[in-house]
Amino acid sequence: MAKIATIYATGKRKCAIAKVWLTPGKGEMTINDKTIDQWLGGHEALKMKVRLPLEMTKQLESVNIKATTLGGGYSAQADALKHGITKALVQYEETFRAILKPMGLLTRDSRVVERKKPGKRKARRSPQFSKR
């Protein structure tokens, strides 16, 4: 293990940004000064998604995560948090890269909302056709 006190990483998804600080500890996770259960409520699938990089590297009980998220919705924030945790873990221990890279966790999901075009209702939706 690296002998670094605090590691910082940023994760992004759509318009959401997650700032992640990773420290050696007992497995506490604080997001926006709340526990993960308070922050995500009953969204068990999103909680599993956030914990995935920690479970893959078996670090669930050995590192503390402190994070702040902003922008987007809770689903995009959860994805941004997963990306940030993954980047922090790779900085923490370089050997984790071989575990996380094949899972696609280091790749930033670059899909964003397509811009609205003139003469259209949304990005591609045309106005309803009227014969008369």
N, C-alpha and C. Protein backbone atom coordinates (compact mmCIF):
# COMPACT_ATOMS: atom_id res chain seq x y z
N MET A 1 0.83 -1.18 0.00
CA MET A 1 0.00 0.00 0.00
C MET A 1 0.88 1.25 0.00
N ALA A 2 0.38 2.28 -0.64
CA ALA A 2 1.09 3.55 -0.66
C ALA A 2 0.95 4.22 0.71
N LYS A 3 1.97 4.95 1.10
CA LYS A 3 1.99 5.62 2.40
C LYS A 3 1.53 7.07 2.25
N ILE A 4 0.43 7.29 1.55
CA ILE A 4 -0.09 8.63 1.31
C ILE A 4 -1.28 8.85 2.23
N ALA A 5 -1.32 10.01 2.88
CA ALA A 5 -2.39 10.29 3.84
C ALA A 5 -3.74 10.47 3.14
N THR A 6 -3.84 11.38 2.20
CA THR A 6 -5.10 11.65 1.51
C THR A 6 -4.87 11.71 0.01
N ILE A 7 -5.76 11.07 -0.73
CA ILE A 7 -5.69 11.07 -2.19
C ILE A 7 -6.94 11.74 -2.71
N TYR A 8 -6.78 12.63 -3.70
CA TYR A 8 -7.90 13.34 -4.29
C TYR A 8 -8.08 12.91 -5.74
N ALA A 9 -9.34 12.73 -6.15
CA ALA A 9 -9.65 12.43 -7.56
C ALA A 9 -11.01 13.03 -7.89
N THR A 10 -11.21 13.30 -9.16
CA THR A 10 -12.47 13.87 -9.65
C THR A 10 -13.10 12.91 -10.63
N GLY A 11 -14.39 12.63 -10.45
CA GLY A 11 -15.13 11.80 -11.39
C GLY A 11 -16.23 12.61 -12.03
N LYS A 12 -16.52 12.32 -13.30
CA LYS A 12 -17.54 13.08 -14.02
C LYS A 12 -18.47 12.15 -14.80
N ARG A 13 -19.72 12.62 -14.96
CA ARG A 13 -20.70 11.91 -15.79
C ARG A 13 -21.80 12.90 -16.13
N LYS A 14 -22.11 13.07 -17.42
CA LYS A 14 -23.07 14.08 -17.89
C LYS A 14 -22.68 15.44 -17.32
N CYS A 15 -23.55 16.09 -16.54
CA CYS A 15 -23.23 17.39 -15.94
C CYS A 15 -22.82 17.24 -14.48
N ALA A 16 -22.73 16.02 -13.98
CA ALA A 16 -22.42 15.78 -12.57
C ALA A 16 -20.92 15.67 -12.36
N ILE A 17 -20.47 16.20 -11.22
CA ILE A 17 -19.06 16.13 -10.85
C ILE A 17 -18.99 15.60 -9.42
N ALA A 18 -18.07 14.68 -9.18
CA ALA A 18 -17.84 14.15 -7.83
C ALA A 18 -16.38 14.40 -7.46
N LYS A 19 -16.18 15.08 -6.34
CA LYS A 19 -14.83 15.30 -5.80
C LYS A 19 -14.64 14.28 -4.68
N VAL A 20 -13.62 13.45 -4.81
CA VAL A 20 -13.43 12.31 -3.90
C VAL A 20 -12.10 12.43 -3.18
N TRP A 21 -12.14 12.28 -1.84
CA TRP A 21 -10.94 12.20 -1.02
C TRP A 21 -10.89 10.81 -0.40
N LEU A 22 -9.81 10.08 -0.62
CA LEU A 22 -9.66 8.71 -0.12
C LEU A 22 -8.54 8.70 0.93
N THR A 23 -8.84 8.13 2.09
CA THR A 23 -7.85 7.99 3.15
C THR A 23 -7.91 6.58 3.70
N PRO A 24 -6.79 6.04 4.19
CA PRO A 24 -6.84 4.73 4.85
C PRO A 24 -7.73 4.83 6.09
N GLY A 25 -8.57 3.82 6.32
CA GLY A 25 -9.48 3.88 7.46
C GLY A 25 -10.26 2.60 7.65
N LYS A 26 -11.51 2.76 8.13
CA LYS A 26 -12.34 1.62 8.50
C LYS A 26 -13.48 1.34 7.53
N GLY A 27 -13.54 2.06 6.42
CA GLY A 27 -14.59 1.82 5.45
C GLY A 27 -15.76 2.77 5.54
N GLU A 28 -15.58 3.93 6.17
CA GLU A 28 -16.66 4.91 6.26
C GLU A 28 -16.77 5.66 4.94
N MET A 29 -18.02 5.91 4.53
CA MET A 29 -18.26 6.62 3.28
C MET A 29 -19.19 7.80 3.56
N THR A 30 -18.70 9.02 3.31
CA THR A 30 -19.48 10.24 3.54
C THR A 30 -19.60 10.99 2.23
N ILE A 31 -20.83 11.23 1.80
CA ILE A 31 -21.08 11.96 0.57
C ILE A 31 -21.94 13.16 0.92
N ASN A 32 -21.46 14.36 0.61
CA ASN A 32 -22.17 15.60 0.95
C ASN A 32 -22.54 15.65 2.44
N ASP A 33 -21.62 15.23 3.30
CA ASP A 33 -21.80 15.20 4.76
C ASP A 33 -22.95 14.28 5.20
N LYS A 34 -23.27 13.27 4.39
CA LYS A 34 -24.28 12.27 4.73
C LYS A 34 -23.68 10.89 4.50
N THR A 35 -24.28 9.88 5.14
CA THR A 35 -23.87 8.51 4.84
C THR A 35 -24.44 8.14 3.48
N ILE A 36 -23.94 7.05 2.91
CA ILE A 36 -24.44 6.64 1.59
C ILE A 36 -25.92 6.27 1.65
N ASP A 37 -26.38 5.74 2.80
CA ASP A 37 -27.79 5.37 2.94
C ASP A 37 -28.67 6.62 3.01
N GLN A 38 -28.21 7.66 3.68
CA GLN A 38 -28.98 8.91 3.74
C GLN A 38 -28.96 9.60 2.38
N TRP A 39 -27.83 9.54 1.69
CA TRP A 39 -27.67 10.26 0.43
C TRP A 39 -28.50 9.64 -0.69
N LEU A 40 -28.48 8.30 -0.81
CA LEU A 40 -29.19 7.63 -1.91
C LEU A 40 -30.52 7.02 -1.49
N GLY A 41 -30.82 7.00 -0.20
CA GLY A 41 -32.11 6.48 0.24
C GLY A 41 -32.27 5.01 -0.12
N GLY A 42 -33.38 4.69 -0.79
CA GLY A 42 -33.70 3.30 -1.12
C GLY A 42 -33.20 2.82 -2.45
N HIS A 43 -32.31 3.55 -3.10
CA HIS A 43 -31.80 3.16 -4.42
C HIS A 43 -30.65 2.16 -4.26
N GLU A 44 -31.01 0.91 -4.05
CA GLU A 44 -30.00 -0.13 -3.78
C GLU A 44 -29.08 -0.37 -4.98
N ALA A 45 -29.63 -0.27 -6.20
CA ALA A 45 -28.81 -0.51 -7.39
C ALA A 45 -27.72 0.56 -7.51
N LEU A 46 -28.06 1.81 -7.18
CA LEU A 46 -27.06 2.87 -7.24
C LEU A 46 -26.02 2.72 -6.14
N LYS A 47 -26.44 2.26 -4.96
CA LYS A 47 -25.48 2.02 -3.87
C LYS A 47 -24.48 0.93 -4.29
N MET A 48 -24.98 -0.13 -4.93
CA MET A 48 -24.10 -1.20 -5.40
C MET A 48 -23.13 -0.67 -6.45
N LYS A 49 -23.63 0.21 -7.33
CA LYS A 49 -22.80 0.79 -8.39
C LYS A 49 -21.67 1.62 -7.79
N VAL A 50 -21.97 2.40 -6.73
CA VAL A 50 -20.96 3.24 -6.09
C VAL A 50 -19.92 2.38 -5.39
N ARG A 51 -20.35 1.28 -4.76
CA ARG A 51 -19.43 0.42 -4.00
C ARG A 51 -18.63 -0.54 -4.89
N LEU A 52 -19.00 -0.68 -6.16
CA LEU A 52 -18.38 -1.66 -7.06
C LEU A 52 -16.86 -1.58 -7.11
N PRO A 53 -16.24 -0.40 -7.31
CA PRO A 53 -14.76 -0.39 -7.36
C PRO A 53 -14.12 -0.82 -6.04
N LEU A 54 -14.76 -0.51 -4.91
CA LEU A 54 -14.22 -0.91 -3.61
C LEU A 54 -14.35 -2.41 -3.41
N GLU A 55 -15.45 -3.00 -3.89
CA GLU A 55 -15.65 -4.45 -3.77
C GLU A 55 -14.69 -5.21 -4.68
N MET A 56 -14.45 -4.70 -5.90
CA MET A 56 -13.56 -5.38 -6.84
C MET A 56 -12.12 -5.41 -6.31
N THR A 57 -11.72 -4.36 -5.60
CA THR A 57 -10.35 -4.28 -5.07
C THR A 57 -10.25 -4.74 -3.61
N LYS A 58 -11.39 -5.18 -3.05
CA LYS A 58 -11.45 -5.65 -1.65
C LYS A 58 -10.99 -4.58 -0.66
N GLN A 59 -11.40 -3.33 -0.90
CA GLN A 59 -11.02 -2.20 -0.05
C GLN A 59 -12.22 -1.62 0.69
N LEU A 60 -13.34 -2.34 0.70
CA LEU A 60 -14.59 -1.84 1.30
C LEU A 60 -14.41 -1.49 2.78
N GLU A 61 -13.59 -2.26 3.49
CA GLU A 61 -13.42 -2.07 4.94
C GLU A 61 -12.08 -1.41 5.30
N SER A 62 -11.27 -1.01 4.32
CA SER A 62 -9.94 -0.51 4.65
C SER A 62 -9.65 0.92 4.22
N VAL A 63 -10.59 1.57 3.51
CA VAL A 63 -10.39 2.97 3.15
C VAL A 63 -11.65 3.77 3.47
N ASN A 64 -11.45 5.03 3.84
CA ASN A 64 -12.56 5.95 4.06
C ASN A 64 -12.72 6.82 2.82
N ILE A 65 -13.97 7.09 2.46
CA ILE A 65 -14.27 7.94 1.31
C ILE A 65 -15.03 9.15 1.81
N LYS A 66 -14.54 10.34 1.45
CA LYS A 66 -15.28 11.58 1.70
C LYS A 66 -15.46 12.21 0.33
N ALA A 67 -16.70 12.53 -0.03
CA ALA A 67 -16.96 13.05 -1.37
C ALA A 67 -17.98 14.16 -1.34
N THR A 68 -17.88 15.04 -2.32
CA THR A 68 -18.93 16.04 -2.56
C THR A 68 -19.35 15.90 -4.02
N THR A 69 -20.65 15.95 -4.24
CA THR A 69 -21.18 15.84 -5.61
C THR A 69 -21.99 17.08 -5.91
N LEU A 70 -21.96 17.48 -7.18
CA LEU A 70 -22.76 18.62 -7.60
C LEU A 70 -23.13 18.47 -9.06
N GLY A 71 -24.26 19.05 -9.43
CA GLY A 71 -24.74 19.02 -10.80
C GLY A 71 -25.43 17.73 -11.15
N GLY A 72 -26.28 17.76 -12.15
CA GLY A 72 -26.96 16.55 -12.63
C GLY A 72 -27.96 16.01 -11.63
N GLY A 73 -28.39 14.78 -11.85
CA GLY A 73 -29.33 14.11 -10.95
C GLY A 73 -28.59 13.08 -10.10
N TYR A 74 -29.33 12.39 -9.25
CA TYR A 74 -28.68 11.45 -8.34
C TYR A 74 -28.05 10.27 -9.07
N SER A 75 -28.61 9.84 -10.19
CA SER A 75 -28.05 8.73 -10.93
C SER A 75 -26.71 9.12 -11.57
N ALA A 76 -26.67 10.30 -12.20
CA ALA A 76 -25.42 10.77 -12.80
C ALA A 76 -24.38 11.05 -11.72
N GLN A 77 -24.83 11.56 -10.56
CA GLN A 77 -23.91 11.80 -9.46
C GLN A 77 -23.31 10.49 -8.94
N ALA A 78 -24.14 9.44 -8.89
CA ALA A 78 -23.64 8.13 -8.44
C ALA A 78 -22.60 7.60 -9.42
N ASP A 79 -22.84 7.76 -10.73
CA ASP A 79 -21.86 7.33 -11.73
C ASP A 79 -20.57 8.14 -11.63
N ALA A 80 -20.70 9.45 -11.40
CA ALA A 80 -19.52 10.30 -11.25
C ALA A 80 -18.74 9.90 -10.00
N LEU A 81 -19.45 9.55 -8.94
CA LEU A 81 -18.80 9.12 -7.70
C LEU A 81 -18.05 7.80 -7.91
N LYS A 82 -18.66 6.88 -8.64
CA LYS A 82 -18.00 5.60 -8.96
C LYS A 82 -16.71 5.85 -9.74
N HIS A 83 -16.76 6.76 -10.71
CA HIS A 83 -15.59 7.09 -11.52
C HIS A 83 -14.50 7.73 -10.66
N GLY A 84 -14.90 8.63 -9.76
CA GLY A 84 -13.94 9.29 -8.88
C GLY A 84 -13.28 8.32 -7.91
N ILE A 85 -14.06 7.41 -7.34
CA ILE A 85 -13.52 6.41 -6.42
C ILE A 85 -12.52 5.51 -7.14
N THR A 86 -12.86 5.13 -8.37
CA THR A 86 -11.97 4.28 -9.16
C THR A 86 -10.63 4.97 -9.41
N LYS A 87 -10.68 6.25 -9.82
CA LYS A 87 -9.45 6.99 -10.08
C LYS A 87 -8.61 7.15 -8.81
N ALA A 88 -9.28 7.37 -7.67
CA ALA A 88 -8.57 7.51 -6.40
C ALA A 88 -7.90 6.19 -5.99
N LEU A 89 -8.61 5.07 -6.21
CA LEU A 89 -8.04 3.76 -5.86
C LEU A 89 -6.80 3.45 -6.69
N VAL A 90 -6.79 3.83 -7.97
CA VAL A 90 -5.63 3.58 -8.83
C VAL A 90 -4.44 4.42 -8.35
N GLN A 91 -4.71 5.66 -7.89
CA GLN A 91 -3.62 6.47 -7.31
C GLN A 91 -3.13 5.85 -6.00
N TYR A 92 -4.05 5.30 -5.23
CA TYR A 92 -3.74 4.72 -3.93
C TYR A 92 -2.83 3.49 -4.08
N GLU A 93 -3.17 2.63 -5.04
CA GLU A 93 -2.37 1.41 -5.29
C GLU A 93 -2.41 1.13 -6.80
N GLU A 94 -1.27 1.27 -7.45
CA GLU A 94 -1.19 1.14 -8.91
C GLU A 94 -1.60 -0.25 -9.41
N THR A 95 -1.47 -1.29 -8.58
CA THR A 95 -1.82 -2.64 -9.01
C THR A 95 -3.34 -2.81 -9.20
N PHE A 96 -4.14 -1.90 -8.61
CA PHE A 96 -5.59 -1.98 -8.78
C PHE A 96 -6.02 -1.69 -10.21
N ARG A 97 -5.14 -1.02 -10.97
CA ARG A 97 -5.46 -0.69 -12.36
C ARG A 97 -5.77 -1.94 -13.18
N ALA A 98 -5.00 -3.01 -12.94
CA ALA A 98 -5.19 -4.27 -13.68
C ALA A 98 -6.55 -4.91 -13.36
N ILE A 99 -7.11 -4.62 -12.18
CA ILE A 99 -8.41 -5.17 -11.80
C ILE A 99 -9.54 -4.30 -12.36
N LEU A 100 -9.37 -2.97 -12.27
CA LEU A 100 -10.45 -2.04 -12.61
C LEU A 100 -10.56 -1.73 -14.10
N LYS A 101 -9.44 -1.74 -14.82
CA LYS A 101 -9.45 -1.40 -16.24
C LYS A 101 -10.29 -2.38 -17.08
N PRO A 102 -10.15 -3.69 -16.91
CA PRO A 102 -10.98 -4.62 -17.71
C PRO A 102 -12.48 -4.49 -17.43
N MET A 103 -12.84 -4.00 -16.25
CA MET A 103 -14.25 -3.81 -15.90
C MET A 103 -14.82 -2.55 -16.55
N GLY A 104 -13.97 -1.71 -17.14
CA GLY A 104 -14.41 -0.48 -17.78
C GLY A 104 -14.68 0.64 -16.79
N LEU A 105 -14.17 0.52 -15.57
CA LEU A 105 -14.45 1.51 -14.54
C LEU A 105 -13.58 2.76 -14.66
N LEU A 106 -12.45 2.67 -15.35
CA LEU A 106 -11.59 3.84 -15.50
C LEU A 106 -12.03 4.73 -16.66
N THR A 107 -12.89 4.24 -17.52
CA THR A 107 -13.34 5.00 -18.68
C THR A 107 -14.46 5.96 -18.28
N ARG A 108 -14.29 7.24 -18.62
CA ARG A 108 -15.33 8.21 -18.33
C ARG A 108 -16.44 8.03 -19.36
N ASP A 109 -17.68 7.92 -18.90
CA ASP A 109 -18.82 7.79 -19.80
C ASP A 109 -19.09 9.18 -20.38
N SER A 110 -18.70 9.40 -21.63
CA SER A 110 -18.71 10.74 -22.21
C SER A 110 -20.05 11.14 -22.83
N ARG A 111 -21.07 10.30 -22.71
CA ARG A 111 -22.37 10.65 -23.30
C ARG A 111 -22.99 11.83 -22.55
N VAL A 112 -23.37 12.86 -23.31
CA VAL A 112 -24.04 14.01 -22.73
C VAL A 112 -25.31 14.30 -23.54
N VAL A 113 -26.16 15.15 -23.02
CA VAL A 113 -27.43 15.47 -23.69
C VAL A 113 -27.14 16.23 -24.98
N GLU A 114 -27.79 15.81 -26.07
CA GLU A 114 -27.61 16.46 -27.36
C GLU A 114 -28.31 17.81 -27.35
N ARG A 115 -27.70 18.80 -28.01
CA ARG A 115 -28.28 20.15 -28.00
C ARG A 115 -29.53 20.22 -28.85
N LYS A 116 -30.41 21.17 -28.50
CA LYS A 116 -31.65 21.40 -29.25
C LYS A 116 -31.32 22.15 -30.53
N LYS A 117 -31.93 21.71 -31.65
CA LYS A 117 -31.71 22.36 -32.93
C LYS A 117 -32.88 23.30 -33.26
N PRO A 118 -32.62 24.37 -34.05
CA PRO A 118 -33.70 25.29 -34.42
C PRO A 118 -34.74 24.59 -35.29
N GLY A 119 -36.01 24.90 -35.08
CA GLY A 119 -37.09 24.29 -35.85
C GLY A 119 -37.52 22.94 -35.32
N LYS A 120 -36.88 22.48 -34.25
CA LYS A 120 -37.24 21.19 -33.65
C LYS A 120 -37.76 21.44 -32.24
N ARG A 121 -38.56 20.48 -31.74
CA ARG A 121 -39.07 20.59 -30.37
C ARG A 121 -37.98 20.28 -29.36
N LYS A 122 -37.23 19.21 -29.63
CA LYS A 122 -36.10 18.82 -28.78
C LYS A 122 -34.89 18.69 -29.71
N ALA A 123 -33.98 17.80 -29.41
CA ALA A 123 -32.80 17.65 -30.25
C ALA A 123 -33.17 17.13 -31.64
N ARG A 124 -34.09 16.15 -31.70
CA ARG A 124 -34.47 15.54 -32.98
C ARG A 124 -35.96 15.50 -33.22
N ARG A 125 -36.76 15.73 -32.18
CA ARG A 125 -38.21 15.64 -32.29
C ARG A 125 -38.75 16.81 -33.11
N SER A 126 -39.45 16.48 -34.23
CA SER A 126 -40.03 17.50 -35.08
C SER A 126 -41.40 17.92 -34.57
N PRO A 127 -41.84 19.12 -34.93
CA PRO A 127 -43.22 19.51 -34.55
C PRO A 127 -44.21 18.57 -35.23
N GLN A 128 -45.37 18.40 -34.60
CA GLN A 128 -46.38 17.50 -35.15
C GLN A 128 -46.86 17.98 -36.49
N PHE A 129 -46.96 17.06 -37.46
CA PHE A 129 -47.41 17.41 -38.80
C PHE A 129 -48.91 17.65 -38.81
N SER A 130 -49.31 18.72 -39.48
CA SER A 130 -50.75 19.03 -39.60
C SER A 130 -51.09 19.13 -41.08
N LYS A 131 -52.00 18.28 -41.55
CA LYS A 131 -52.37 18.28 -42.95
C LYS A 131 -53.20 19.53 -43.29
N ARG A 132 -54.03 19.97 -42.34
CA ARG A 132 -54.84 21.17 -42.56
C ARG A 132 -54.64 22.18 -41.47
